[in-house]
């Protein structure tokens, strides 16, 4: 990928991230104003016209935001729980994030370091790129990072694609490790959201 192309791609990703954050902020504000986050009836009335497309679109958005950080992952996880409830929101979050994680791994393996470097900040890339030289130690680090909701796990999925990690090991770590981090994200953010709503 040429340098000019990398700059254009990075610029579009940054624009998409800002726009996504603005749209999510506006939607949360509308949801609070309209009461769809505090009334089950209003929530169902909001989602009913969309039918099956509502969860499908949400899963797609979750998958895309792993590959291209349109929204912070925690905010989109909160959106899933608020829109679909604790069980279905968790399930849709899980499916979408797992699909996106696999896509990030595949893209990194297909296009290599120049591609990964072009879509991430130089600071983040430089901080973690040394793990490529750690061999099997990276596999253990990756598993722990996916389990706990504090590491930049979307970027680490790209990084895993640059290593010799087998696809089946990657999938096992994602499928087994993601539920805990998604649940912690969702529980923590829903608690904060409920606190804010009660204060209004």
N, C-alpha and C. Protein backbone atom coordinates (compact mmCIF):
# COMPACT_ATOMS: atom_id res chain seq x y z
N UNK A 1 0.84 -1.19 0.00
CA UNK A 1 0.00 0.00 0.00
C UNK A 1 0.88 1.24 0.00
N UNK A 2 0.65 2.16 -0.96
CA UNK A 2 1.47 3.34 -1.06
C UNK A 2 1.21 4.28 0.10
N UNK A 3 2.22 5.16 0.35
CA UNK A 3 2.11 6.06 1.49
C UNK A 3 0.92 7.00 1.36
N UNK A 4 0.68 7.54 0.15
CA UNK A 4 -0.46 8.43 -0.05
C UNK A 4 -1.78 7.70 0.20
N UNK A 5 -1.83 6.44 -0.23
CA UNK A 5 -3.03 5.64 0.01
C UNK A 5 -3.25 5.37 1.48
N UNK A 6 -2.15 5.13 2.20
CA UNK A 6 -2.24 4.90 3.64
C UNK A 6 -2.78 6.14 4.35
N UNK A 7 -2.30 7.32 3.94
CA UNK A 7 -2.76 8.56 4.56
C UNK A 7 -4.24 8.79 4.30
N UNK A 8 -4.69 8.52 3.07
CA UNK A 8 -6.11 8.70 2.76
C UNK A 8 -6.96 7.74 3.58
N UNK A 9 -6.52 6.47 3.67
CA UNK A 9 -7.27 5.48 4.44
C UNK A 9 -7.35 5.88 5.90
N UNK A 10 -6.21 6.31 6.45
CA UNK A 10 -6.18 6.74 7.85
C UNK A 10 -7.11 7.93 8.07
N UNK A 11 -7.10 8.87 7.10
CA UNK A 11 -7.98 10.04 7.21
C UNK A 11 -9.45 9.65 7.22
N UNK A 12 -9.84 8.74 6.33
CA UNK A 12 -11.23 8.30 6.29
C UNK A 12 -11.62 7.56 7.56
N UNK A 13 -10.72 6.76 8.09
CA UNK A 13 -11.00 6.05 9.33
C UNK A 13 -11.21 7.03 10.48
N UNK A 14 -10.36 8.07 10.54
CA UNK A 14 -10.51 9.08 11.59
C UNK A 14 -11.84 9.83 11.46
N UNK A 15 -12.21 10.17 10.22
CA UNK A 15 -13.49 10.84 9.99
C UNK A 15 -14.65 9.93 10.40
N UNK A 16 -14.56 8.65 10.03
CA UNK A 16 -15.61 7.70 10.40
C UNK A 16 -15.74 7.55 11.90
N UNK A 17 -14.61 7.55 12.60
CA UNK A 17 -14.63 7.43 14.05
C UNK A 17 -15.33 8.62 14.69
N UNK A 18 -14.99 9.82 14.25
CA UNK A 18 -15.61 11.04 14.80
C UNK A 18 -17.10 11.07 14.49
N UNK A 19 -17.48 10.75 13.26
CA UNK A 19 -18.88 10.75 12.88
C UNK A 19 -19.67 9.70 13.65
N UNK A 20 -19.08 8.53 13.81
CA UNK A 20 -19.75 7.47 14.55
C UNK A 20 -19.98 7.85 16.00
N UNK A 21 -18.98 8.48 16.62
CA UNK A 21 -19.12 8.91 18.01
C UNK A 21 -20.20 9.99 18.14
N UNK A 22 -20.23 10.91 17.19
CA UNK A 22 -21.25 11.97 17.21
C UNK A 22 -22.65 11.39 17.05
N UNK A 23 -22.81 10.45 16.12
CA UNK A 23 -24.11 9.83 15.89
C UNK A 23 -24.57 9.04 17.11
N UNK A 24 -23.63 8.31 17.74
CA UNK A 24 -24.00 7.54 18.92
C UNK A 24 -24.39 8.46 20.06
N UNK A 25 -23.65 9.56 20.23
CA UNK A 25 -23.98 10.53 21.28
C UNK A 25 -25.37 11.12 21.05
N UNK A 26 -25.65 11.45 19.79
CA UNK A 26 -26.96 12.01 19.45
C UNK A 26 -28.07 10.98 19.70
N UNK A 27 -27.80 9.73 19.35
CA UNK A 27 -28.82 8.69 19.55
C UNK A 27 -29.09 8.46 21.03
N UNK A 28 -28.03 8.44 21.84
CA UNK A 28 -28.22 8.26 23.28
C UNK A 28 -29.03 9.41 23.86
N UNK A 29 -28.70 10.64 23.39
CA UNK A 29 -29.47 11.80 23.84
C UNK A 29 -30.94 11.69 23.45
N UNK A 30 -31.20 11.27 22.21
CA UNK A 30 -32.58 11.08 21.77
C UNK A 30 -33.27 9.99 22.58
N UNK A 31 -32.55 8.90 22.84
CA UNK A 31 -33.13 7.80 23.60
C UNK A 31 -33.52 8.21 25.00
N UNK A 32 -32.69 9.03 25.64
CA UNK A 32 -33.03 9.53 26.98
C UNK A 32 -34.25 10.44 26.92
N UNK A 33 -34.26 11.34 25.91
CA UNK A 33 -35.37 12.29 25.75
C UNK A 33 -36.69 11.56 25.47
N UNK A 34 -36.64 10.55 24.58
CA UNK A 34 -37.85 9.83 24.18
C UNK A 34 -38.26 8.75 25.16
N UNK A 35 -37.37 8.42 26.10
CA UNK A 35 -37.69 7.42 27.12
C UNK A 35 -37.55 5.99 26.67
N UNK A 36 -36.88 5.75 25.53
CA UNK A 36 -36.80 4.37 25.04
C UNK A 36 -35.82 3.52 25.85
N UNK A 37 -34.97 4.15 26.68
CA UNK A 37 -34.05 3.39 27.51
C UNK A 37 -34.63 3.11 28.89
N UNK A 38 -35.75 3.74 29.21
CA UNK A 38 -36.35 3.56 30.54
C UNK A 38 -37.73 2.91 30.48
N UNK A 39 -38.28 2.75 29.29
CA UNK A 39 -39.60 2.15 29.13
C UNK A 39 -39.53 0.98 28.15
N UNK A 40 -39.89 -0.20 28.62
CA UNK A 40 -39.86 -1.38 27.76
C UNK A 40 -40.84 -1.22 26.60
N UNK A 41 -42.00 -0.63 26.87
CA UNK A 41 -43.00 -0.44 25.83
C UNK A 41 -42.48 0.48 24.72
N UNK A 42 -41.84 1.59 25.12
CA UNK A 42 -41.32 2.54 24.14
C UNK A 42 -40.15 1.92 23.35
N UNK A 43 -39.37 1.09 24.04
CA UNK A 43 -38.27 0.41 23.35
C UNK A 43 -38.81 -0.54 22.29
N UNK A 44 -39.82 -1.32 22.65
CA UNK A 44 -40.41 -2.26 21.70
C UNK A 44 -41.06 -1.52 20.53
N UNK A 45 -41.70 -0.39 20.82
CA UNK A 45 -42.32 0.41 19.75
C UNK A 45 -41.26 0.97 18.81
N UNK A 46 -40.08 1.30 19.35
CA UNK A 46 -38.99 1.84 18.54
C UNK A 46 -38.40 0.77 17.62
N UNK A 47 -38.26 -0.46 18.14
CA UNK A 47 -37.60 -1.52 17.39
C UNK A 47 -38.55 -2.29 16.46
N UNK A 48 -39.84 -2.33 16.79
CA UNK A 48 -40.78 -3.19 16.06
C UNK A 48 -40.81 -2.93 14.56
N UNK A 49 -40.84 -1.66 14.11
CA UNK A 49 -40.89 -1.43 12.65
C UNK A 49 -39.68 -2.00 11.90
N UNK A 50 -38.57 -2.18 12.57
CA UNK A 50 -37.36 -2.68 11.90
C UNK A 50 -37.37 -4.19 11.74
N UNK A 51 -38.18 -4.89 12.55
CA UNK A 51 -38.26 -6.34 12.46
C UNK A 51 -36.90 -7.01 12.66
N UNK A 52 -36.66 -8.04 11.84
CA UNK A 52 -35.42 -8.82 11.95
C UNK A 52 -34.20 -7.99 11.58
N UNK A 53 -34.42 -6.88 10.85
CA UNK A 53 -33.29 -6.06 10.43
C UNK A 53 -32.59 -5.37 11.59
N UNK A 54 -33.31 -5.12 12.68
CA UNK A 54 -32.71 -4.42 13.81
C UNK A 54 -31.52 -5.20 14.38
N UNK A 55 -31.69 -6.48 14.78
CA UNK A 55 -30.52 -7.21 15.29
C UNK A 55 -29.46 -7.48 14.23
N UNK A 56 -29.90 -7.72 12.98
CA UNK A 56 -28.92 -7.98 11.92
C UNK A 56 -28.04 -6.74 11.67
N UNK A 57 -28.67 -5.56 11.65
CA UNK A 57 -27.91 -4.33 11.45
C UNK A 57 -26.96 -4.09 12.61
N UNK A 58 -27.44 -4.38 13.82
CA UNK A 58 -26.59 -4.16 14.98
C UNK A 58 -25.38 -5.09 14.96
N UNK A 59 -25.60 -6.36 14.65
CA UNK A 59 -24.48 -7.31 14.56
C UNK A 59 -23.49 -6.84 13.50
N UNK A 60 -24.00 -6.35 12.37
CA UNK A 60 -23.11 -5.84 11.33
C UNK A 60 -22.30 -4.65 11.79
N UNK A 61 -22.95 -3.73 12.52
CA UNK A 61 -22.24 -2.56 13.04
C UNK A 61 -21.16 -2.99 14.02
N UNK A 62 -21.46 -3.94 14.88
CA UNK A 62 -20.46 -4.42 15.83
C UNK A 62 -19.27 -5.05 15.12
N UNK A 63 -19.55 -5.81 14.06
CA UNK A 63 -18.46 -6.43 13.32
C UNK A 63 -17.58 -5.37 12.66
N UNK A 64 -18.21 -4.38 12.05
CA UNK A 64 -17.46 -3.33 11.34
C UNK A 64 -16.63 -2.50 12.32
N UNK A 65 -17.18 -2.21 13.51
CA UNK A 65 -16.45 -1.33 14.42
C UNK A 65 -15.21 -2.00 15.00
N UNK A 66 -15.11 -3.32 14.90
CA UNK A 66 -13.86 -3.98 15.28
C UNK A 66 -12.80 -3.74 14.21
N UNK A 67 -13.21 -3.86 12.95
CA UNK A 67 -12.28 -3.70 11.83
C UNK A 67 -11.92 -2.24 11.63
N UNK A 68 -12.92 -1.37 11.66
CA UNK A 68 -12.73 0.07 11.52
C UNK A 68 -13.36 0.72 12.74
N UNK A 69 -12.57 1.36 13.60
CA UNK A 69 -13.10 1.86 14.88
C UNK A 69 -14.03 3.05 14.71
N UNK A 70 -15.23 2.77 14.18
CA UNK A 70 -16.23 3.82 14.00
C UNK A 70 -16.72 4.31 15.36
N UNK A 71 -16.88 3.36 16.29
CA UNK A 71 -17.34 3.68 17.64
C UNK A 71 -16.41 3.03 18.64
N UNK A 72 -16.24 3.63 19.81
CA UNK A 72 -15.54 2.92 20.89
C UNK A 72 -16.31 1.65 21.23
N UNK A 73 -15.59 0.53 21.39
CA UNK A 73 -16.25 -0.76 21.61
C UNK A 73 -17.19 -0.77 22.80
N UNK A 74 -16.80 -0.10 23.89
CA UNK A 74 -17.64 -0.08 25.08
C UNK A 74 -18.98 0.58 24.83
N UNK A 75 -19.00 1.64 24.03
CA UNK A 75 -20.25 2.34 23.75
C UNK A 75 -21.19 1.46 22.94
N UNK A 76 -20.65 0.76 21.95
CA UNK A 76 -21.51 -0.11 21.14
C UNK A 76 -22.04 -1.28 21.96
N UNK A 77 -21.24 -1.79 22.91
CA UNK A 77 -21.73 -2.86 23.79
C UNK A 77 -22.88 -2.35 24.65
N UNK A 78 -22.74 -1.13 25.16
CA UNK A 78 -23.82 -0.52 25.93
C UNK A 78 -25.07 -0.38 25.07
N UNK A 79 -24.90 0.05 23.82
CA UNK A 79 -26.04 0.19 22.93
C UNK A 79 -26.79 -1.12 22.74
N UNK A 80 -26.06 -2.22 22.61
CA UNK A 80 -26.70 -3.52 22.43
C UNK A 80 -27.59 -3.90 23.61
N UNK A 81 -27.08 -3.69 24.81
CA UNK A 81 -27.85 -4.04 26.01
C UNK A 81 -29.05 -3.12 26.18
N UNK A 82 -28.86 -1.83 25.91
CA UNK A 82 -29.97 -0.88 26.06
C UNK A 82 -31.07 -1.14 25.03
N UNK A 83 -30.67 -1.51 23.81
CA UNK A 83 -31.65 -1.72 22.75
C UNK A 83 -32.36 -3.06 22.84
N UNK A 84 -31.64 -4.11 23.19
CA UNK A 84 -32.20 -5.45 23.09
C UNK A 84 -32.32 -6.18 24.42
N UNK A 85 -31.90 -5.54 25.50
CA UNK A 85 -31.98 -6.19 26.80
C UNK A 85 -30.71 -6.96 27.12
N UNK A 86 -30.56 -7.42 28.37
CA UNK A 86 -29.30 -8.06 28.81
C UNK A 86 -28.93 -9.31 28.03
N UNK A 87 -29.89 -10.23 27.80
CA UNK A 87 -29.55 -11.49 27.14
C UNK A 87 -29.29 -11.30 25.65
N UNK A 88 -30.28 -10.76 24.92
CA UNK A 88 -30.12 -10.62 23.48
C UNK A 88 -29.07 -9.58 23.13
N UNK A 89 -28.98 -8.53 23.95
CA UNK A 89 -27.94 -7.53 23.72
C UNK A 89 -26.56 -8.13 23.84
N UNK A 90 -26.36 -8.97 24.88
CA UNK A 90 -25.08 -9.67 25.03
C UNK A 90 -24.81 -10.58 23.85
N UNK A 91 -25.82 -11.34 23.43
CA UNK A 91 -25.65 -12.29 22.33
C UNK A 91 -25.28 -11.58 21.03
N UNK A 92 -25.98 -10.49 20.72
CA UNK A 92 -25.69 -9.76 19.48
C UNK A 92 -24.31 -9.09 19.56
N UNK A 93 -23.97 -8.57 20.72
CA UNK A 93 -22.62 -8.03 20.90
C UNK A 93 -21.57 -9.10 20.63
N UNK A 94 -21.79 -10.26 21.22
CA UNK A 94 -20.82 -11.36 21.13
C UNK A 94 -20.64 -11.81 19.67
N UNK A 95 -21.75 -12.04 18.97
CA UNK A 95 -21.68 -12.52 17.59
C UNK A 95 -20.98 -11.49 16.70
N UNK A 96 -21.38 -10.22 16.83
CA UNK A 96 -20.78 -9.19 15.99
C UNK A 96 -19.30 -9.00 16.25
N UNK A 97 -18.91 -8.97 17.52
CA UNK A 97 -17.51 -8.76 17.86
C UNK A 97 -16.66 -9.95 17.42
N UNK A 98 -17.17 -11.16 17.55
CA UNK A 98 -16.42 -12.34 17.10
C UNK A 98 -16.22 -12.31 15.59
N UNK A 99 -17.24 -11.94 14.85
CA UNK A 99 -17.11 -11.84 13.39
C UNK A 99 -16.08 -10.79 13.03
N UNK A 100 -16.15 -9.62 13.67
CA UNK A 100 -15.19 -8.56 13.39
C UNK A 100 -13.77 -8.93 13.77
N UNK A 101 -13.61 -9.66 14.87
CA UNK A 101 -12.28 -10.08 15.31
C UNK A 101 -11.65 -11.02 14.29
N UNK A 102 -12.45 -11.96 13.77
CA UNK A 102 -11.94 -12.86 12.74
C UNK A 102 -11.56 -12.07 11.48
N UNK A 103 -12.39 -11.08 11.11
CA UNK A 103 -12.09 -10.27 9.92
C UNK A 103 -10.78 -9.52 10.09
N UNK A 104 -10.55 -8.95 11.29
CA UNK A 104 -9.29 -8.23 11.55
C UNK A 104 -8.10 -9.17 11.44
N UNK A 105 -8.21 -10.36 12.00
CA UNK A 105 -7.14 -11.36 11.93
C UNK A 105 -6.86 -11.73 10.47
N UNK A 106 -7.92 -11.97 9.70
CA UNK A 106 -7.76 -12.36 8.30
C UNK A 106 -7.12 -11.24 7.48
N UNK A 107 -7.57 -10.00 7.68
CA UNK A 107 -7.02 -8.87 6.91
C UNK A 107 -5.53 -8.68 7.21
N UNK A 108 -5.16 -8.80 8.48
CA UNK A 108 -3.75 -8.65 8.84
C UNK A 108 -2.91 -9.77 8.22
N UNK A 109 -3.43 -10.98 8.24
CA UNK A 109 -2.68 -12.10 7.66
C UNK A 109 -2.58 -11.96 6.13
N UNK A 110 -3.60 -11.40 5.53
CA UNK A 110 -3.63 -11.26 4.07
C UNK A 110 -2.75 -10.11 3.58
N UNK A 111 -2.79 -8.96 4.29
CA UNK A 111 -2.14 -7.76 3.78
C UNK A 111 -0.89 -7.34 4.55
N UNK A 112 -0.66 -7.93 5.73
CA UNK A 112 0.61 -7.73 6.42
C UNK A 112 0.74 -6.43 7.21
N UNK A 113 1.98 -6.17 7.65
CA UNK A 113 2.27 -5.04 8.53
C UNK A 113 1.94 -3.68 7.93
N UNK A 114 2.22 -3.42 6.63
CA UNK A 114 1.89 -2.09 6.10
C UNK A 114 0.41 -1.74 6.26
N UNK A 115 -0.45 -2.72 6.05
CA UNK A 115 -1.89 -2.47 6.20
C UNK A 115 -2.25 -2.18 7.65
N UNK A 116 -1.75 -2.99 8.57
CA UNK A 116 -2.07 -2.80 9.99
C UNK A 116 -1.55 -1.45 10.46
N UNK A 117 -0.36 -1.10 10.04
CA UNK A 117 0.22 0.19 10.45
C UNK A 117 -0.60 1.36 9.92
N UNK A 118 -1.19 1.19 8.73
CA UNK A 118 -1.92 2.30 8.10
C UNK A 118 -3.25 2.60 8.78
N UNK A 119 -3.81 1.64 9.52
CA UNK A 119 -5.12 1.86 10.12
C UNK A 119 -5.07 2.03 11.63
N UNK A 120 -3.87 2.08 12.20
CA UNK A 120 -3.74 2.28 13.65
C UNK A 120 -2.82 3.46 13.92
N UNK A 121 -2.90 3.99 15.12
CA UNK A 121 -2.02 5.09 15.48
C UNK A 121 -0.59 4.57 15.62
N UNK A 122 0.36 5.42 15.28
CA UNK A 122 1.76 5.01 15.38
C UNK A 122 2.15 4.66 16.81
N UNK A 123 1.59 5.39 17.77
CA UNK A 123 1.91 5.14 19.18
C UNK A 123 1.46 3.75 19.61
N UNK A 124 0.23 3.38 19.23
CA UNK A 124 -0.29 2.06 19.59
C UNK A 124 0.49 0.97 18.88
N UNK A 125 0.78 1.18 17.62
CA UNK A 125 1.51 0.19 16.84
C UNK A 125 2.89 -0.05 17.44
N UNK A 126 3.61 1.03 17.74
CA UNK A 126 4.96 0.91 18.28
C UNK A 126 4.97 0.26 19.67
N UNK A 127 3.90 0.49 20.42
CA UNK A 127 3.83 -0.05 21.78
C UNK A 127 3.75 -1.57 21.79
N UNK A 128 3.04 -2.14 20.82
CA UNK A 128 2.77 -3.58 20.85
C UNK A 128 3.49 -4.39 19.79
N UNK A 129 4.10 -3.75 18.80
CA UNK A 129 4.68 -4.49 17.70
C UNK A 129 5.82 -5.39 18.14
N UNK A 130 6.46 -5.05 19.25
CA UNK A 130 7.55 -5.89 19.76
C UNK A 130 7.10 -7.28 20.15
N UNK A 131 5.80 -7.47 20.37
CA UNK A 131 5.29 -8.79 20.73
C UNK A 131 5.41 -9.79 19.58
N UNK A 132 5.60 -9.30 18.36
CA UNK A 132 5.76 -10.22 17.23
C UNK A 132 7.01 -11.09 17.39
N UNK A 133 7.95 -10.62 18.18
CA UNK A 133 9.20 -11.36 18.38
C UNK A 133 9.15 -12.27 19.60
N UNK A 134 7.99 -12.33 20.27
CA UNK A 134 7.90 -13.09 21.52
C UNK A 134 7.44 -14.54 21.33
N UNK A 135 7.11 -14.92 20.11
CA UNK A 135 6.73 -16.31 19.85
C UNK A 135 5.50 -16.72 20.63
N UNK A 136 5.58 -17.87 21.33
CA UNK A 136 4.42 -18.41 22.05
C UNK A 136 4.02 -17.53 23.23
N UNK A 137 4.91 -16.68 23.71
CA UNK A 137 4.54 -15.77 24.80
C UNK A 137 3.42 -14.84 24.36
N UNK A 138 3.41 -14.47 23.07
CA UNK A 138 2.34 -13.60 22.58
C UNK A 138 0.99 -14.31 22.69
N UNK A 139 0.94 -15.61 22.42
CA UNK A 139 -0.32 -16.34 22.50
C UNK A 139 -0.91 -16.24 23.91
N UNK A 140 -0.08 -16.38 24.94
CA UNK A 140 -0.57 -16.28 26.32
C UNK A 140 -1.00 -14.85 26.63
N UNK A 141 -0.19 -13.89 26.20
CA UNK A 141 -0.54 -12.49 26.41
C UNK A 141 -1.86 -12.15 25.72
N UNK A 142 -2.03 -12.63 24.50
CA UNK A 142 -3.24 -12.35 23.73
C UNK A 142 -4.47 -12.93 24.43
N UNK A 143 -4.35 -14.16 24.92
CA UNK A 143 -5.48 -14.79 25.61
C UNK A 143 -5.89 -13.98 26.84
N UNK A 144 -4.92 -13.54 27.62
CA UNK A 144 -5.23 -12.74 28.81
C UNK A 144 -5.84 -11.39 28.44
N UNK A 145 -5.31 -10.77 27.39
CA UNK A 145 -5.80 -9.46 26.97
C UNK A 145 -7.24 -9.55 26.48
N UNK A 146 -7.59 -10.63 25.79
CA UNK A 146 -8.96 -10.80 25.30
C UNK A 146 -9.91 -11.04 26.46
N UNK A 147 -9.45 -11.72 27.49
CA UNK A 147 -10.32 -12.04 28.63
C UNK A 147 -10.66 -10.81 29.45
N UNK A 148 -9.68 -9.90 29.63
CA UNK A 148 -9.91 -8.72 30.45
C UNK A 148 -10.25 -7.52 29.55
N UNK A 149 -11.25 -6.71 29.95
CA UNK A 149 -11.73 -5.62 29.09
C UNK A 149 -10.94 -4.32 29.24
N UNK A 150 -9.63 -4.39 29.26
CA UNK A 150 -8.84 -3.17 29.41
C UNK A 150 -7.83 -3.00 28.29
N UNK A 151 -7.49 -4.06 27.60
CA UNK A 151 -6.47 -3.99 26.54
C UNK A 151 -7.13 -3.58 25.21
N UNK A 152 -6.34 -3.06 24.27
CA UNK A 152 -6.87 -2.72 22.94
C UNK A 152 -7.06 -3.98 22.11
N UNK A 153 -8.07 -4.79 22.49
CA UNK A 153 -8.18 -6.13 21.90
C UNK A 153 -8.49 -6.11 20.41
N UNK A 154 -9.14 -5.05 19.91
CA UNK A 154 -9.37 -4.99 18.46
C UNK A 154 -8.04 -4.93 17.71
N UNK A 155 -7.15 -4.07 18.17
CA UNK A 155 -5.83 -3.97 17.54
C UNK A 155 -5.05 -5.27 17.73
N UNK A 156 -5.19 -5.89 18.88
CA UNK A 156 -4.46 -7.14 19.13
C UNK A 156 -4.91 -8.26 18.21
N UNK A 157 -6.16 -8.20 17.73
CA UNK A 157 -6.61 -9.18 16.73
C UNK A 157 -5.85 -9.00 15.43
N UNK A 158 -5.61 -7.74 15.05
CA UNK A 158 -4.76 -7.47 13.89
C UNK A 158 -3.36 -8.00 14.14
N UNK A 159 -2.83 -7.72 15.33
CA UNK A 159 -1.47 -8.14 15.65
C UNK A 159 -1.35 -9.66 15.62
N UNK A 160 -2.38 -10.35 16.10
CA UNK A 160 -2.35 -11.82 16.08
C UNK A 160 -2.26 -12.33 14.65
N UNK A 161 -2.87 -11.60 13.72
CA UNK A 161 -2.81 -12.01 12.32
C UNK A 161 -1.43 -11.88 11.72
N UNK A 162 -0.57 -11.10 12.37
CA UNK A 162 0.80 -10.95 11.89
C UNK A 162 1.74 -11.99 12.46
N UNK A 163 1.26 -12.76 13.44
CA UNK A 163 2.09 -13.79 14.06
C UNK A 163 1.85 -15.13 13.37
N UNK A 164 2.48 -16.17 13.91
CA UNK A 164 2.29 -17.52 13.37
C UNK A 164 1.18 -18.27 14.09
N UNK A 165 0.37 -17.55 14.87
CA UNK A 165 -0.73 -18.20 15.58
C UNK A 165 -1.67 -18.90 14.60
N UNK A 166 -2.01 -20.13 14.92
CA UNK A 166 -2.93 -20.87 14.07
C UNK A 166 -4.35 -20.31 14.20
N UNK A 167 -5.09 -20.38 13.10
CA UNK A 167 -6.44 -19.85 13.09
C UNK A 167 -7.31 -20.51 14.16
N UNK A 168 -7.18 -21.83 14.33
CA UNK A 168 -8.03 -22.51 15.30
C UNK A 168 -7.73 -22.05 16.72
N UNK A 169 -6.47 -21.74 17.03
CA UNK A 169 -6.14 -21.22 18.35
C UNK A 169 -6.72 -19.82 18.52
N UNK A 170 -6.61 -18.99 17.48
CA UNK A 170 -7.17 -17.65 17.54
C UNK A 170 -8.67 -17.71 17.80
N UNK A 171 -9.37 -18.54 17.04
CA UNK A 171 -10.82 -18.65 17.21
C UNK A 171 -11.19 -19.15 18.59
N UNK A 172 -10.43 -20.11 19.11
CA UNK A 172 -10.71 -20.63 20.45
C UNK A 172 -10.57 -19.54 21.50
N UNK A 173 -9.51 -18.73 21.39
CA UNK A 173 -9.29 -17.65 22.36
C UNK A 173 -10.41 -16.62 22.27
N UNK A 174 -10.80 -16.25 21.05
CA UNK A 174 -11.86 -15.25 20.87
C UNK A 174 -13.20 -15.79 21.39
N UNK A 175 -13.56 -17.00 20.97
CA UNK A 175 -14.88 -17.54 21.33
C UNK A 175 -15.01 -17.79 22.83
N UNK A 176 -13.91 -18.18 23.48
CA UNK A 176 -13.96 -18.47 24.91
C UNK A 176 -13.66 -17.25 25.78
N UNK A 177 -12.85 -16.33 25.26
CA UNK A 177 -12.43 -15.18 26.07
C UNK A 177 -13.35 -13.97 25.97
N UNK A 178 -14.03 -13.81 24.85
CA UNK A 178 -14.85 -12.62 24.65
C UNK A 178 -16.07 -12.52 25.58
N UNK A 179 -16.75 -13.63 25.90
CA UNK A 179 -17.95 -13.48 26.74
C UNK A 179 -17.69 -12.74 28.05
N UNK A 180 -16.58 -13.03 28.71
CA UNK A 180 -16.31 -12.39 30.00
C UNK A 180 -16.10 -10.89 29.84
N UNK A 181 -15.29 -10.48 28.87
CA UNK A 181 -15.02 -9.05 28.70
C UNK A 181 -16.26 -8.30 28.24
N UNK A 182 -17.06 -8.90 27.36
CA UNK A 182 -18.29 -8.25 26.91
C UNK A 182 -19.26 -8.09 28.07
N UNK A 183 -19.38 -9.13 28.90
CA UNK A 183 -20.27 -9.06 30.06
C UNK A 183 -19.82 -7.98 31.03
N UNK A 184 -18.52 -7.89 31.27
CA UNK A 184 -18.00 -6.86 32.18
C UNK A 184 -18.23 -5.47 31.63
N UNK A 185 -17.96 -5.29 30.35
CA UNK A 185 -18.23 -4.00 29.70
C UNK A 185 -19.70 -3.64 29.87
N UNK A 186 -20.57 -4.58 29.50
CA UNK A 186 -22.00 -4.30 29.49
C UNK A 186 -22.52 -4.00 30.89
N UNK A 187 -22.13 -4.82 31.87
CA UNK A 187 -22.59 -4.63 33.24
C UNK A 187 -22.13 -3.28 33.79
N UNK A 188 -20.85 -2.97 33.59
CA UNK A 188 -20.32 -1.72 34.10
C UNK A 188 -20.96 -0.50 33.45
N UNK A 189 -21.11 -0.53 32.13
CA UNK A 189 -21.68 0.62 31.42
C UNK A 189 -23.17 0.78 31.68
N UNK A 190 -23.89 -0.34 31.80
CA UNK A 190 -25.31 -0.25 32.12
C UNK A 190 -25.51 0.33 33.51
N UNK A 191 -24.65 -0.05 34.45
CA UNK A 191 -24.73 0.50 35.80
C UNK A 191 -24.52 2.01 35.78
N UNK A 192 -23.52 2.46 35.02
CA UNK A 192 -23.26 3.89 34.90
C UNK A 192 -24.44 4.59 34.24
N UNK A 193 -24.98 3.99 33.17
CA UNK A 193 -26.10 4.58 32.45
C UNK A 193 -27.32 4.71 33.34
N UNK A 194 -27.62 3.67 34.12
CA UNK A 194 -28.77 3.71 35.01
C UNK A 194 -28.60 4.78 36.07
N UNK A 195 -27.38 4.94 36.55
CA UNK A 195 -27.09 5.98 37.54
C UNK A 195 -27.35 7.36 36.96
N UNK A 196 -26.92 7.56 35.70
CA UNK A 196 -27.13 8.85 35.04
C UNK A 196 -28.62 9.11 34.84
N UNK A 197 -29.36 8.07 34.38
CA UNK A 197 -30.78 8.24 34.13
C UNK A 197 -31.55 8.56 35.41
N UNK A 198 -31.15 7.94 36.52
CA UNK A 198 -31.81 8.20 37.79
C UNK A 198 -31.53 9.60 38.28
N UNK A 199 -30.38 10.13 37.90
CA UNK A 199 -30.02 11.48 38.35
C UNK A 199 -30.72 12.56 37.55
N UNK A 200 -31.24 12.20 36.36
CA UNK A 200 -31.91 13.20 35.52
C UNK A 200 -33.34 13.47 35.97
